[in-house]
Amino acid sequence: MKTLFRGLLLLALLIGALSAYSYGSTTGMFLFIVIGFCLEAGFWFGLLPRKRRQ
């Protein structure tokens, strides 16, 4: 269940980032490009597993 939730969350972040990029590109609003960048960063940091020290 945890893997399914993580996958759905990453998919939602990626779709949100692409949507924000495309809307910001068509309207010329820089704010949506920044939001897209933040969502994309969340996608990439969520995709990469954290290495825990023991």
PDB file of N, CA and C in Angstrom:
ATOM      1  N   MET A   1       0.820  -1.191   0.000  1.00  0.00           N
ATOM      2  CA  MET A   1       0.000   0.000   0.000  1.00  0.00           C
ATOM      3  C   MET A   1       0.866   1.258   0.000  1.00  0.00           C
ATOM      4  N   LYS A   2       1.961   1.215   0.733  1.00  0.00           N
ATOM      5  CA  LYS A   2       2.843   2.371   0.800  1.00  0.00           C
ATOM      6  C   LYS A   2       3.443   2.668  -0.567  1.00  0.00           C
ATOM      7  N   THR A   3       3.800   1.645  -1.315  1.00  0.00           N
ATOM      8  CA  THR A   3       4.379   1.832  -2.636  1.00  0.00           C
ATOM      9  C   THR A   3       3.349   2.403  -3.604  1.00  0.00           C
ATOM     10  N   LEU A   4       2.116   1.938  -3.517  1.00  0.00           N
ATOM     11  CA  LEU A   4       1.053   2.448  -4.372  1.00  0.00           C
ATOM     12  C   LEU A   4       0.778   3.918  -4.081  1.00  0.00           C
ATOM     13  N   PHE A   5       0.699   4.279  -2.807  1.00  0.00           N
ATOM     14  CA  PHE A   5       0.468   5.676  -2.424  1.00  0.00           C
ATOM     15  C   PHE A   5       1.607   6.563  -2.888  1.00  0.00           C
ATOM     16  N   ARG A   6       2.821   6.099  -2.745  1.00  0.00           N
ATOM     17  CA  ARG A   6       3.991   6.872  -3.171  1.00  0.00           C
ATOM     18  C   ARG A   6       3.972   7.070  -4.682  1.00  0.00           C
ATOM     19  N   GLY A   7       3.635   6.030  -5.419  1.00  0.00           N
ATOM     20  CA  GLY A   7       3.566   6.140  -6.869  1.00  0.00           C
ATOM     21  C   GLY A   7       2.493   7.100  -7.321  1.00  0.00           C
ATOM     22  N   LEU A   8       1.332   7.053  -6.684  1.00  0.00           N
ATOM     23  CA  LEU A   8       0.255   7.975  -7.034  1.00  0.00           C
ATOM     24  C   LEU A   8       0.620   9.419  -6.697  1.00  0.00           C
ATOM     25  N   LEU A   9       1.284   9.606  -5.580  1.00  0.00           N
ATOM     26  CA  LEU A   9       1.710  10.950  -5.197  1.00  0.00           C
ATOM     27  C   LEU A   9       2.739  11.502  -6.181  1.00  0.00           C
ATOM     28  N   LEU A  10       3.684  10.680  -6.608  1.00  0.00           N
ATOM     29  CA  LEU A  10       4.682  11.120  -7.574  1.00  0.00           C
ATOM     30  C   LEU A  10       4.035  11.436  -8.924  1.00  0.00           C
ATOM     31  N   LEU A  11       3.057  10.635  -9.317  1.00  0.00           N
ATOM     32  CA  LEU A  11       2.345  10.900 -10.562  1.00  0.00           C
ATOM     33  C   LEU A  11       1.575  12.219 -10.483  1.00  0.00           C
ATOM     34  N   ALA A  12       0.949  12.476  -9.339  1.00  0.00           N
ATOM     35  CA  ALA A  12       0.216  13.735  -9.160  1.00  0.00           C
ATOM     36  C   ALA A  12       1.171  14.931  -9.188  1.00  0.00           C
ATOM     37  N   LEU A  13       2.345  14.800  -8.587  1.00  0.00           N
ATOM     38  CA  LEU A  13       3.332  15.884  -8.624  1.00  0.00           C
ATOM     39  C   LEU A  13       3.809  16.146 -10.048  1.00  0.00           C
ATOM     40  N   LEU A  14       4.035  15.091 -10.801  1.00  0.00           N
ATOM     41  CA  LEU A  14       4.505  15.256 -12.175  1.00  0.00           C
ATOM     42  C   LEU A  14       3.432  15.896 -13.048  1.00  0.00           C
ATOM     43  N   ILE A  15       2.199  15.460 -12.918  1.00  0.00           N
ATOM     44  CA  ILE A  15       1.104  16.042 -13.695  1.00  0.00           C
ATOM     45  C   ILE A  15       0.890  17.507 -13.306  1.00  0.00           C
ATOM     46  N   GLY A  16       0.969  17.792 -12.013  1.00  0.00           N
ATOM     47  CA  GLY A  16       0.830  19.174 -11.556  1.00  0.00           C
ATOM     48  C   GLY A  16       1.942  20.068 -12.081  1.00  0.00           C
ATOM     49  N   ALA A  17       3.164  19.556 -12.099  1.00  0.00           N
ATOM     50  CA  ALA A  17       4.287  20.341 -12.607  1.00  0.00           C
ATOM     51  C   ALA A  17       4.126  20.619 -14.091  1.00  0.00           C
ATOM     52  N   LEU A  18       3.758  19.613 -14.857  1.00  0.00           N
ATOM     53  CA  LEU A  18       3.567  19.817 -16.291  1.00  0.00           C
ATOM     54  C   LEU A  18       2.429  20.783 -16.574  1.00  0.00           C
ATOM     55  N   SER A  19       1.369  20.688 -15.799  1.00  0.00           N
ATOM     56  CA  SER A  19       0.237  21.598 -15.976  1.00  0.00           C
ATOM     57  C   SER A  19       0.635  23.034 -15.647  1.00  0.00           C
ATOM     58  N   ALA A  20       1.368  23.217 -14.562  1.00  0.00           N
ATOM     59  CA  ALA A  20       1.796  24.563 -14.178  1.00  0.00           C
ATOM     60  C   ALA A  20       2.756  25.150 -15.209  1.00  0.00           C
ATOM     61  N   TYR A  21       3.678  24.317 -15.726  1.00  0.00           N
ATOM     62  CA  TYR A  21       4.593  24.788 -16.763  1.00  0.00           C
ATOM     63  C   TYR A  21       3.829  25.219 -18.012  1.00  0.00           C
ATOM     64  N   SER A  22       2.890  24.410 -18.446  1.00  0.00           N
ATOM     65  CA  SER A  22       2.178  24.737 -19.677  1.00  0.00           C
ATOM     66  C   SER A  22       1.296  25.970 -19.495  1.00  0.00           C
ATOM     67  N   TYR A  23       0.641  26.092 -18.352  1.00  0.00           N
ATOM     68  CA  TYR A  23      -0.188  27.278 -18.116  1.00  0.00           C
ATOM     69  C   TYR A  23       0.673  28.533 -18.000  1.00  0.00           C
ATOM     70  N   GLY A  24       1.793  28.426 -17.323  1.00  0.00           N
ATOM     71  CA  GLY A  24       2.694  29.570 -17.196  1.00  0.00           C
ATOM     72  C   GLY A  24       3.305  29.962 -18.526  1.00  0.00           C
ATOM     73  N   SER A  25       3.526  28.996 -19.390  1.00  0.00           N
ATOM     74  CA  SER A  25       4.093  29.273 -20.695  1.00  0.00           C
ATOM     75  C   SER A  25       3.086  29.975 -21.608  1.00  0.00           C
ATOM     76  N   THR A  26       1.822  29.548 -21.547  1.00  0.00           N
ATOM     77  CA  THR A  26       0.831  30.148 -22.440  1.00  0.00           C
ATOM     78  C   THR A  26       0.390  31.533 -21.970  1.00  0.00           C
ATOM     79  N   THR A  27       0.308  31.736 -20.657  1.00  0.00           N
ATOM     80  CA  THR A  27      -0.157  33.026 -20.149  1.00  0.00           C
ATOM     81  C   THR A  27       0.981  33.996 -19.889  1.00  0.00           C
ATOM     82  N   GLY A  28       2.196  33.485 -19.771  1.00  0.00           N
ATOM     83  CA  GLY A  28       3.337  34.347 -19.505  1.00  0.00           C
ATOM     84  C   GLY A  28       3.466  34.726 -18.037  1.00  0.00           C
ATOM     85  N   MET A  29       2.760  34.023 -17.172  1.00  0.00           N
ATOM     86  CA  MET A  29       2.848  34.312 -15.734  1.00  0.00           C
ATOM     87  C   MET A  29       3.998  33.511 -15.134  1.00  0.00           C
ATOM     88  N   PHE A  30       4.989  34.222 -14.658  1.00  0.00           N
ATOM     89  CA  PHE A  30       6.191  33.593 -14.119  1.00  0.00           C
ATOM     90  C   PHE A  30       5.892  32.803 -12.847  1.00  0.00           C
ATOM     91  N   LEU A  31       4.858  33.178 -12.118  1.00  0.00           N
ATOM     92  CA  LEU A  31       4.500  32.500 -10.877  1.00  0.00           C
ATOM     93  C   LEU A  31       4.199  31.024 -11.119  1.00  0.00           C
ATOM     94  N   PHE A  32       3.515  30.705 -12.202  1.00  0.00           N
ATOM     95  CA  PHE A  32       3.186  29.308 -12.485  1.00  0.00           C
ATOM     96  C   PHE A  32       4.417  28.505 -12.888  1.00  0.00           C
ATOM     97  N   ILE A  33       5.384  29.153 -13.483  1.00  0.00           N
ATOM     98  CA  ILE A  33       6.629  28.466 -13.815  1.00  0.00           C
ATOM     99  C   ILE A  33       7.387  28.132 -12.528  1.00  0.00           C
ATOM    100  N   VAL A  34       7.375  29.035 -11.569  1.00  0.00           N
ATOM    101  CA  VAL A  34       8.014  28.781 -10.277  1.00  0.00           C
ATOM    102  C   VAL A  34       7.284  27.649  -9.542  1.00  0.00           C
ATOM    103  N   ILE A  35       5.950  27.666  -9.587  1.00  0.00           N
ATOM    104  CA  ILE A  35       5.174  26.584  -8.961  1.00  0.00           C
ATOM    105  C   ILE A  35       5.497  25.255  -9.631  1.00  0.00           C
ATOM    106  N   GLY A  36       5.599  25.259 -10.956  1.00  0.00           N
ATOM    107  CA  GLY A  36       5.970  24.041 -11.679  1.00  0.00           C
ATOM    108  C   GLY A  36       7.339  23.539 -11.286  1.00  0.00           C
ATOM    109  N   PHE A  37       8.268  24.472 -11.095  1.00  0.00           N
ATOM    110  CA  PHE A  37       9.616  24.076 -10.668  1.00  0.00           C
ATOM    111  C   PHE A  37       9.582  23.434  -9.275  1.00  0.00           C
ATOM    112  N   CYS A  38       8.796  24.012  -8.367  1.00  0.00           N
ATOM    113  CA  CYS A  38       8.689  23.453  -7.016  1.00  0.00           C
ATOM    114  C   CYS A  38       8.061  22.069  -7.037  1.00  0.00           C
ATOM    115  N   LEU A  39       7.029  21.893  -7.850  1.00  0.00           N
ATOM    116  CA  LEU A  39       6.397  20.579  -7.959  1.00  0.00           C
ATOM    117  C   LEU A  39       7.342  19.559  -8.592  1.00  0.00           C
ATOM    118  N   GLU A  40       8.113  19.987  -9.585  1.00  0.00           N
ATOM    119  CA  GLU A  40       9.070  19.075 -10.199  1.00  0.00           C
ATOM    120  C   GLU A  40      10.175  18.691  -9.217  1.00  0.00           C
ATOM    121  N   ALA A  41      10.626  19.641  -8.423  1.00  0.00           N
ATOM    122  CA  ALA A  41      11.634  19.330  -7.404  1.00  0.00           C
ATOM    123  C   ALA A  41      11.078  18.333  -6.398  1.00  0.00           C
ATOM    124  N   GLY A  42       9.817  18.511  -6.015  1.00  0.00           N
ATOM    125  CA  GLY A  42       9.184  17.545  -5.124  1.00  0.00           C
ATOM    126  C   GLY A  42       9.106  16.170  -5.749  1.00  0.00           C
ATOM    127  N   PHE A  43       8.870  16.114  -7.054  1.00  0.00           N
ATOM    128  CA  PHE A  43       8.846  14.832  -7.757  1.00  0.00           C
ATOM    129  C   PHE A  43      10.203  14.155  -7.699  1.00  0.00           C
ATOM    130  N   TRP A  44      11.263  14.898  -8.032  1.00  0.00           N
ATOM    131  CA  TRP A  44      12.581  14.281  -8.084  1.00  0.00           C
ATOM    132  C   TRP A  44      13.102  13.910  -6.701  1.00  0.00           C
ATOM    133  N   PHE A  45      12.832  14.756  -5.701  1.00  0.00           N
ATOM    134  CA  PHE A  45      13.285  14.400  -4.353  1.00  0.00           C
ATOM    135  C   PHE A  45      12.450  13.272  -3.769  1.00  0.00           C
ATOM    136  N   GLY A  46      11.204  13.145  -4.185  1.00  0.00           N
ATOM    137  CA  GLY A  46      10.373  12.037  -3.727  1.00  0.00           C
ATOM    138  C   GLY A  46      10.698  10.739  -4.430  1.00  0.00           C
ATOM    139  N   LEU A  47      11.223  10.848  -5.650  1.00  0.00           N
ATOM    140  CA  LEU A  47      11.555   9.656  -6.427  1.00  0.00           C
ATOM    141  C   LEU A  47      12.814   8.987  -5.909  1.00  0.00           C
ATOM    142  N   LEU A  48      13.773   9.797  -5.498  1.00  0.00           N
ATOM    143  CA  LEU A  48      15.043   9.266  -5.028  1.00  0.00           C
ATOM    144  C   LEU A  48      14.913   8.850  -3.562  1.00  0.00           C
ATOM    145  N   PRO A  49      15.274   7.606  -3.241  1.00  0.00           N
ATOM    146  CA  PRO A  49      15.158   7.180  -1.841  1.00  0.00           C
ATOM    147  C   PRO A  49      16.221   7.827  -0.964  1.00  0.00           C
ATOM    148  N   ARG A  50      15.885   8.009   0.281  1.00  0.00           N
ATOM    149  CA  ARG A  50      16.840   8.575   1.232  1.00  0.00           C
ATOM    150  C   ARG A  50      17.716   7.460   1.768  1.00  0.00           C
ATOM    151  N   LYS A  51      18.995   7.770   1.905  1.00  0.00           N
ATOM    152  CA  LYS A  51      19.926   6.795   2.481  1.00  0.00           C
ATOM    153  C   LYS A  51      20.026   7.094   3.974  1.00  0.00           C
ATOM    154  N   ARG A  52      19.689   6.122   4.770  1.00  0.00           N
ATOM    155  CA  ARG A  52      19.722   6.310   6.217  1.00  0.00           C
ATOM    156  C   ARG A  52      21.006   5.740   6.796  1.00  0.00           C
ATOM    157  N   ARG A  53      21.565   6.494   7.687  1.00  0.00           N
ATOM    158  CA  ARG A  53      22.791   6.043   8.359  1.00  0.00           C
ATOM    159  C   ARG A  53      22.412   5.206   9.567  1.00  0.00           C
ATOM    160  N   GLN A  54      23.205   4.195   9.791  1.00  0.00           N
ATOM    161  CA  GLN A  54      22.938   3.322  10.947  1.00  0.00           C
ATOM    162  C   GLN A  54      23.914   3.576  12.068  1.00  0.00           C
TER     163      GLN A  54
END
